[in-house]
Amino acid sequence: MVRFIILIIILILALSYFGISIRDIAQSPTGEDNFTFVWRYVKDGWEIITLGIASLIEAVRGVFS
């Protein structure tokens, strides 16, 4: 987790060095559309993963009960 935080900090510093504003990207219509597109697939993927884990837990419970 600490490595991930350090990586994010380095990424932000690199973007700042090249003069790229994260706020401008996030607030632009194209940026908002891209974030919405990616977020939809992240949510769908998370739902699939959690349903799979729940099914696995139920199967294990069924074996041991």
C-alpha atoms as a PDB file:
ATOM      1  CA  MET A   1       0.000   0.000   0.000  1.00  0.00           C
ATOM      2  CA  VAL A   2       2.845   2.358   0.822  1.00  0.00           C
ATOM      3  CA  ARG A   3       4.442   1.642  -2.562  1.00  0.00           C
ATOM      4  CA  PHE A   4       1.166   2.493  -4.282  1.00  0.00           C
ATOM      5  CA  ILE A   5       0.938   5.838  -2.461  1.00  0.00           C
ATOM      6  CA  ILE A   6       4.548   6.650  -3.320  1.00  0.00           C
ATOM      7  CA  LEU A   7       3.871   5.734  -6.965  1.00  0.00           C
ATOM      8  CA  ILE A   8       0.848   8.072  -7.056  1.00  0.00           C
ATOM      9  CA  ILE A   9       2.917  10.898  -5.559  1.00  0.00           C
ATOM     10  CA  ILE A  10       5.671  10.358  -8.147  1.00  0.00           C
ATOM     11  CA  LEU A  11       3.078  10.289 -10.935  1.00  0.00           C
ATOM     12  CA  ILE A  12       1.571  13.584  -9.752  1.00  0.00           C
ATOM     13  CA  LEU A  13       5.022  15.161  -9.532  1.00  0.00           C
ATOM     14  CA  ALA A  14       5.873  13.970 -13.050  1.00  0.00           C
ATOM     15  CA  LEU A  15       2.625  15.409 -14.425  1.00  0.00           C
ATOM     16  CA  SER A  16       3.333  18.691 -12.646  1.00  0.00           C
ATOM     17  CA  TYR A  17       6.851  18.780 -14.072  1.00  0.00           C
ATOM     18  CA  PHE A  18       5.489  18.534 -17.614  1.00  0.00           C
ATOM     19  CA  GLY A  19       2.825  21.164 -16.894  1.00  0.00           C
ATOM     20  CA  ILE A  20      -0.136  18.803 -17.100  1.00  0.00           C
ATOM     21  CA  SER A  21      -3.056  19.819 -14.901  1.00  0.00           C
ATOM     22  CA  ILE A  22      -5.084  16.921 -13.536  1.00  0.00           C
ATOM     23  CA  ARG A  23      -7.947  19.308 -12.763  1.00  0.00           C
ATOM     24  CA  ASP A  24      -8.133  20.514 -16.379  1.00  0.00           C
ATOM     25  CA  ILE A  25      -8.155  16.936 -17.636  1.00  0.00           C
ATOM     26  CA  ALA A  26     -10.829  15.830 -15.158  1.00  0.00           C
ATOM     27  CA  GLN A  27     -13.077  18.830 -15.824  1.00  0.00           C
ATOM     28  CA  SER A  28     -12.879  18.761 -19.600  1.00  0.00           C
ATOM     29  CA  PRO A  29     -15.838  17.162 -21.404  1.00  0.00           C
ATOM     30  CA  THR A  30     -13.572  14.509 -22.930  1.00  0.00           C
ATOM     31  CA  GLY A  31     -11.943  13.780 -19.585  1.00  0.00           C
ATOM     32  CA  GLU A  32     -15.303  13.454 -17.841  1.00  0.00           C
ATOM     33  CA  ASP A  33     -16.541  11.130 -20.583  1.00  0.00           C
ATOM     34  CA  ASN A  34     -13.426   8.976 -20.297  1.00  0.00           C
ATOM     35  CA  PHE A  35     -13.685   8.772 -16.497  1.00  0.00           C
ATOM     36  CA  THR A  36     -17.370   7.845 -16.757  1.00  0.00           C
ATOM     37  CA  PHE A  37     -16.577   5.164 -19.336  1.00  0.00           C
ATOM     38  CA  VAL A  38     -13.785   3.610 -17.266  1.00  0.00           C
ATOM     39  CA  TRP A  39     -15.716   3.887 -13.983  1.00  0.00           C
ATOM     40  CA  ARG A  40     -18.653   1.986 -15.477  1.00  0.00           C
ATOM     41  CA  TYR A  41     -16.401  -0.955 -16.348  1.00  0.00           C
ATOM     42  CA  VAL A  42     -14.666  -0.819 -12.971  1.00  0.00           C
ATOM     43  CA  LYS A  43     -18.057  -1.045 -11.232  1.00  0.00           C
ATOM     44  CA  ASP A  44     -19.190  -3.888 -13.495  1.00  0.00           C
ATOM     45  CA  GLY A  45     -15.940  -5.761 -12.900  1.00  0.00           C
ATOM     46  CA  TRP A  46     -16.199  -5.255  -9.143  1.00  0.00           C
ATOM     47  CA  GLU A  47     -19.746  -6.619  -9.189  1.00  0.00           C
ATOM     48  CA  ILE A  48     -18.636  -9.714 -11.114  1.00  0.00           C
ATOM     49  CA  ILE A  49     -15.747 -10.309  -8.706  1.00  0.00           C
ATOM     50  CA  THR A  50     -17.889  -9.913  -5.583  1.00  0.00           C
ATOM     51  CA  LEU A  51     -20.599 -12.201  -6.982  1.00  0.00           C
ATOM     52  CA  GLY A  52     -17.945 -14.805  -7.778  1.00  0.00           C
ATOM     53  CA  ILE A  53     -16.497 -14.607  -4.277  1.00  0.00           C
ATOM     54  CA  ALA A  54     -19.971 -14.824  -2.733  1.00  0.00           C
ATOM     55  CA  SER A  55     -20.718 -17.924  -4.821  1.00  0.00           C
ATOM     56  CA  LEU A  56     -17.426 -19.481  -3.742  1.00  0.00           C
ATOM     57  CA  ILE A  57     -18.175 -18.805  -0.073  1.00  0.00           C
ATOM     58  CA  GLU A  58     -21.633 -20.337  -0.418  1.00  0.00           C
ATOM     59  CA  ALA A  59     -20.130 -23.416  -2.091  1.00  0.00           C
ATOM     60  CA  VAL A  60     -17.591 -23.824   0.707  1.00  0.00           C
ATOM     61  CA  ARG A  61     -20.327 -23.414   3.311  1.00  0.00           C
ATOM     62  CA  GLY A  62     -22.362 -26.071   1.542  1.00  0.00           C
ATOM     63  CA  VAL A  63     -19.455 -28.515   1.690  1.00  0.00           C
ATOM     64  CA  PHE A  64     -18.854 -28.029   5.413  1.00  0.00           C
ATOM     65  CA  SER A  65     -22.460 -27.955   6.608  1.00  0.00           C
END
